[in-house]
């Protein structure tokens, strides 16, 4: 199965200068509960952004796929792939797509579930989640807190 997980504002903001524009501890906990130890897929910019947060600590995932157009990129803790669409088409692995915007856009047609944390406050950003055709999904989970509306959508 292919799962996409992300946080965004109602205007689809997901990033600012390759970082999240907010720091919401409850959402970080939610994210880690779903992705820790799992096989994840991310773009090169997301990989470096996460490395900036974790500094010298290892990233908290199992297997890590990093999609990159840089044919010479070698990462000690990740498998670099040049054709992420081929991975989505052929995988038998349970994949968690964790960013960024381009990787989300490429993954959407293959997504089985969408884990969306709707951040209630608006933030400035320069990176947006692509448009989603919600007619292809049904809402199967909803939990609201003061800061975030957590939803899960499953492909119909």
C-alpha atoms as a PDB file:
ATOM      1  CA  UNK A   1       0.000   0.000   0.000  1.00  0.00           C
ATOM      2  CA  UNK A   2       1.058   3.561  -0.610  1.00  0.00           C
ATOM      3  CA  UNK A   3       0.298   6.078   2.118  1.00  0.00           C
ATOM      4  CA  UNK A   4       0.835   9.824   1.869  1.00  0.00           C
ATOM      5  CA  UNK A   5       1.228  11.734   5.117  1.00  0.00           C
ATOM      6  CA  UNK A   6       1.584  15.490   5.530  1.00  0.00           C
ATOM      7  CA  UNK A   7       0.409  18.605   7.318  1.00  0.00           C
ATOM      8  CA  UNK A   8      -0.971  21.628   5.491  1.00  0.00           C
ATOM      9  CA  UNK A   9      -3.084  24.723   5.930  1.00  0.00           C
ATOM     10  CA  UNK A  10      -6.491  25.090   4.280  1.00  0.00           C
ATOM     11  CA  UNK A  11      -4.659  26.993   1.508  1.00  0.00           C
ATOM     12  CA  UNK A  12      -2.413  23.919   0.974  1.00  0.00           C
ATOM     13  CA  UNK A  13       0.781  25.498   2.388  1.00  0.00           C
ATOM     14  CA  UNK A  14       3.244  22.749   3.335  1.00  0.00           C
ATOM     15  CA  UNK A  15       6.583  24.535   3.423  1.00  0.00           C
ATOM     16  CA  UNK A  16       8.616  27.701   3.601  1.00  0.00           C
ATOM     17  CA  UNK A  17      12.261  27.731   2.490  1.00  0.00           C
ATOM     18  CA  UNK A  18      12.460  23.917   2.679  1.00  0.00           C
ATOM     19  CA  UNK A  19      11.126  23.782   6.241  1.00  0.00           C
ATOM     20  CA  UNK A  20       7.701  23.526   7.843  1.00  0.00           C
ATOM     21  CA  UNK A  21       6.406  27.017   8.670  1.00  0.00           C
ATOM     22  CA  UNK A  22       4.974  25.794  11.991  1.00  0.00           C
ATOM     23  CA  UNK A  23       6.077  23.708  14.950  1.00  0.00           C
ATOM     24  CA  UNK A  24       3.118  21.802  16.361  1.00  0.00           C
ATOM     25  CA  UNK A  25       4.349  19.191  18.804  1.00  0.00           C
ATOM     26  CA  UNK A  26       1.138  17.112  18.771  1.00  0.00           C
ATOM     27  CA  UNK A  27       1.342  16.800  14.984  1.00  0.00           C
ATOM     28  CA  UNK A  28       5.010  15.784  15.105  1.00  0.00           C
ATOM     29  CA  UNK A  29       4.048  13.036  17.564  1.00  0.00           C
ATOM     30  CA  UNK A  30       1.209  11.929  15.257  1.00  0.00           C
ATOM     31  CA  UNK A  31       3.602  11.862  12.288  1.00  0.00           C
ATOM     32  CA  UNK A  32       6.201   9.819  14.178  1.00  0.00           C
ATOM     33  CA  UNK A  33       3.573   7.345  15.396  1.00  0.00           C
ATOM     34  CA  UNK A  34       2.731   6.567  11.776  1.00  0.00           C
ATOM     35  CA  UNK A  35       6.176   6.660  10.149  1.00  0.00           C
ATOM     36  CA  UNK A  36       8.761   5.533  12.721  1.00  0.00           C
ATOM     37  CA  UNK A  37      10.511   2.402  11.552  1.00  0.00           C
ATOM     38  CA  UNK A  38       8.543   2.351   8.286  1.00  0.00           C
ATOM     39  CA  UNK A  39       9.710   2.413   4.669  1.00  0.00           C
ATOM     40  CA  UNK A  40       9.508   6.009   3.466  1.00  0.00           C
ATOM     41  CA  UNK A  41       9.852   7.812   0.152  1.00  0.00           C
ATOM     42  CA  UNK A  42      10.962  11.418  -0.093  1.00  0.00           C
ATOM     43  CA  UNK A  43      12.616  13.853  -2.429  1.00  0.00           C
ATOM     44  CA  UNK A  44      16.184  15.003  -2.065  1.00  0.00           C
ATOM     45  CA  UNK A  45      15.236  18.415  -0.624  1.00  0.00           C
ATOM     46  CA  UNK A  46      13.014  16.788   2.016  1.00  0.00           C
ATOM     47  CA  UNK A  47      15.852  14.426   2.923  1.00  0.00           C
ATOM     48  CA  UNK A  48      18.264  17.321   3.517  1.00  0.00           C
ATOM     49  CA  UNK A  49      15.617  19.284   5.383  1.00  0.00           C
ATOM     50  CA  UNK A  50      14.994  16.351   7.744  1.00  0.00           C
ATOM     51  CA  UNK A  51      18.748  15.875   8.220  1.00  0.00           C
ATOM     52  CA  UNK A  52      18.843  19.515   9.334  1.00  0.00           C
ATOM     53  CA  UNK A  53      16.303  18.776  12.069  1.00  0.00           C
ATOM     54  CA  UNK A  54      17.923  15.539  13.219  1.00  0.00           C
ATOM     55  CA  UNK A  55      21.518  16.837  12.963  1.00  0.00           C
ATOM     56  CA  UNK A  56      23.714  13.882  14.046  1.00  0.00           C
ATOM     57  CA  UNK A  57      20.849  11.525  14.950  1.00  0.00           C
ATOM     58  CA  UNK A  58      19.721   8.943  12.408  1.00  0.00           C
ATOM     59  CA  UNK A  59      16.387   9.523  10.708  1.00  0.00           C
ATOM     60  CA  UNK A  60      13.655   7.546  12.534  1.00  0.00           C
ATOM     61  CA  UNK A  61      12.608   5.384   9.599  1.00  0.00           C
ATOM     62  CA  UNK A  62      13.257   1.836   8.462  1.00  0.00           C
ATOM     63  CA  UNK A  63      14.185   1.834   4.786  1.00  0.00           C
ATOM     64  CA  UNK A  64      14.526   5.247   3.144  1.00  0.00           C
ATOM     65  CA  UNK A  65      14.080   5.891  -0.570  1.00  0.00           C
ATOM     66  CA  UNK A  66      15.261   9.290  -1.789  1.00  0.00           C
ATOM     67  CA  UNK A  67      14.130  10.346  -5.260  1.00  0.00           C
ATOM     68  CA  UNK A  68      16.729  12.441  -7.029  1.00  0.00           C
ATOM     69  CA  UNK A  69      17.625  13.526 -10.536  1.00  0.00           C
ATOM     70  CA  UNK A  70      21.288  13.673  -9.449  1.00  0.00           C
ATOM     71  CA  UNK A  71      22.750  10.463 -10.888  1.00  0.00           C
ATOM     72  CA  UNK A  72      25.908  10.840  -8.766  1.00  0.00           C
ATOM     73  CA  UNK A  73      24.122  11.177  -5.420  1.00  0.00           C
ATOM     74  CA  UNK A  74      25.175   8.588  -2.840  1.00  0.00           C
ATOM     75  CA  UNK A  75      23.627   8.568   0.641  1.00  0.00           C
ATOM     76  CA  UNK A  76      24.836   6.288   3.422  1.00  0.00           C
ATOM     77  CA  UNK A  77      21.421   5.885   5.044  1.00  0.00           C
ATOM     78  CA  UNK A  78      19.154   5.840   1.996  1.00  0.00           C
ATOM     79  CA  UNK A  79      18.532   4.190  -1.347  1.00  0.00           C
ATOM     80  CA  UNK A  80      18.695   6.793  -4.094  1.00  0.00           C
ATOM     81  CA  UNK A  81      16.211   6.234  -6.917  1.00  0.00           C
ATOM     82  CA  UNK A  82      15.849   8.141 -10.163  1.00  0.00           C
ATOM     83  CA  UNK A  83      12.415   6.836 -11.193  1.00  0.00           C
ATOM     84  CA  UNK A  84       9.977   7.223  -8.317  1.00  0.00           C
ATOM     85  CA  UNK A  85       6.962   6.531 -10.544  1.00  0.00           C
ATOM     86  CA  UNK A  86       8.378   3.102 -11.368  1.00  0.00           C
ATOM     87  CA  UNK A  87       8.678   2.431  -7.625  1.00  0.00           C
ATOM     88  CA  UNK A  88       5.034   3.427  -7.090  1.00  0.00           C
ATOM     89  CA  UNK A  89       3.881   1.249 -10.010  1.00  0.00           C
ATOM     90  CA  UNK A  90       5.768  -1.895  -9.027  1.00  0.00           C
ATOM     91  CA  UNK A  91       6.289  -1.908  -5.270  1.00  0.00           C
ATOM     92  CA  UNK A  92       4.963  -4.621  -3.027  1.00  0.00           C
ATOM     93  CA  UNK A  93       6.250  -2.707  -0.005  1.00  0.00           C
ATOM     94  CA  UNK A  94       4.155  -0.678   2.374  1.00  0.00           C
ATOM     95  CA  UNK A  95       5.391   2.850   1.497  1.00  0.00           C
ATOM     96  CA  UNK A  96       4.923   6.115   3.370  1.00  0.00           C
ATOM     97  CA  UNK A  97       5.432   9.167   1.172  1.00  0.00           C
ATOM     98  CA  UNK A  98       6.695  12.042   3.334  1.00  0.00           C
ATOM     99  CA  UNK A  99       7.447  14.847   0.881  1.00  0.00           C
ATOM    100  CA  UNK A 100       8.044  17.139  -0.818  1.00  0.00           C
ATOM    101  CA  UNK A 101       5.481  18.673  -3.125  1.00  0.00           C
ATOM    102  CA  UNK A 102       6.765  17.102  -6.343  1.00  0.00           C
ATOM    103  CA  UNK A 103       6.959  13.629  -4.815  1.00  0.00           C
ATOM    104  CA  UNK A 104       3.444  14.022  -3.403  1.00  0.00           C
ATOM    105  CA  UNK A 105       2.157  15.051  -6.825  1.00  0.00           C
ATOM    106  CA  UNK A 106       3.793  12.032  -8.469  1.00  0.00           C
ATOM    107  CA  UNK A 107       2.480   9.704  -5.741  1.00  0.00           C
ATOM    108  CA  UNK A 108      -1.147  10.894  -5.663  1.00  0.00           C
ATOM    109  CA  UNK A 109      -2.368   8.690  -8.548  1.00  0.00           C
ATOM    110  CA  UNK A 110      -0.993   5.615  -6.728  1.00  0.00           C
ATOM    111  CA  UNK A 111      -2.014   6.543  -3.179  1.00  0.00           C
ATOM    112  CA  UNK A 112      -4.188   4.144  -1.219  1.00  0.00           C
ATOM    113  CA  UNK A 113      -4.503   6.384   1.842  1.00  0.00           C
ATOM    114  CA  UNK A 114      -4.012  10.068   2.605  1.00  0.00           C
ATOM    115  CA  UNK A 115      -3.125  11.076   6.164  1.00  0.00           C
ATOM    116  CA  UNK A 116      -3.783  14.814   6.220  1.00  0.00           C
ATOM    117  CA  UNK A 117      -3.169  17.022   9.236  1.00  0.00           C
ATOM    118  CA  UNK A 118      -5.102  20.226   8.530  1.00  0.00           C
ATOM    119  CA  UNK A 119      -3.296  23.016  10.400  1.00  0.00           C
ATOM    120  CA  UNK A 120      -5.965  25.451  11.572  1.00  0.00           C
ATOM    121  CA  UNK A 121      -3.845  28.604  11.627  1.00  0.00           C
ATOM    122  CA  UNK A 122      -2.748  30.131   8.324  1.00  0.00           C
ATOM    123  CA  UNK A 123       0.974  30.445   7.597  1.00  0.00           C
ATOM    124  CA  UNK A 124       3.003  32.025   4.845  1.00  0.00           C
ATOM    125  CA  UNK A 125       4.678  29.541   2.552  1.00  0.00           C
ATOM    126  CA  UNK A 126       6.395  28.982  -0.749  1.00  0.00           C
ATOM    127  CA  UNK A 127       5.542  25.305  -1.184  1.00  0.00           C
ATOM    128  CA  UNK A 128       2.029  23.966  -1.649  1.00  0.00           C
ATOM    129  CA  UNK A 129       0.408  20.557  -1.751  1.00  0.00           C
ATOM    130  CA  UNK A 130      -1.064  19.826  -5.187  1.00  0.00           C
ATOM    131  CA  UNK A 131      -4.817  19.773  -5.733  1.00  0.00           C
ATOM    132  CA  UNK A 132      -6.516  16.577  -4.605  1.00  0.00           C
ATOM    133  CA  UNK A 133      -9.520  15.001  -6.296  1.00  0.00           C
ATOM    134  CA  UNK A 134     -11.404  14.031  -3.145  1.00  0.00           C
ATOM    135  CA  UNK A 135     -14.073  12.258  -5.216  1.00  0.00           C
ATOM    136  CA  UNK A 136     -11.557   9.399  -5.493  1.00  0.00           C
ATOM    137  CA  UNK A 137     -11.294   9.062  -1.719  1.00  0.00           C
ATOM    138  CA  UNK A 138     -13.621   8.669   1.236  1.00  0.00           C
ATOM    139  CA  UNK A 139     -12.981  10.107   4.657  1.00  0.00           C
ATOM    140  CA  UNK A 140     -12.507   7.258   7.141  1.00  0.00           C
ATOM    141  CA  UNK A 141     -11.149   9.131  10.169  1.00  0.00           C
ATOM    142  CA  UNK A 142     -11.487  12.551  11.709  1.00  0.00           C
ATOM    143  CA  UNK A 143     -10.160  13.875  15.014  1.00  0.00           C
ATOM    144  CA  UNK A 144     -10.044  17.544  15.924  1.00  0.00           C
ATOM    145  CA  UNK A 145      -7.854  19.358  18.433  1.00  0.00           C
ATOM    146  CA  UNK A 146      -7.399  23.063  19.070  1.00  0.00           C
ATOM    147  CA  UNK A 147      -4.553  23.269  16.542  1.00  0.00           C
ATOM    148  CA  UNK A 148      -5.107  20.522  13.979  1.00  0.00           C
ATOM    149  CA  UNK A 149      -7.840  18.515  12.262  1.00  0.00           C
ATOM    150  CA  UNK A 150      -6.495  14.995  11.641  1.00  0.00           C
ATOM    151  CA  UNK A 151      -8.081  13.120   8.731  1.00  0.00           C
ATOM    152  CA  UNK A 152      -7.511   9.896   6.867  1.00  0.00           C
ATOM    153  CA  UNK A 153      -8.886   9.349   3.379  1.00  0.00           C
ATOM    154  CA  UNK A 154      -9.009   5.938   1.679  1.00  0.00           C
ATOM    155  CA  UNK A 155      -9.188   5.402  -2.067  1.00  0.00           C
ATOM    156  CA  UNK A 156     -12.647   4.263  -3.202  1.00  0.00           C
END
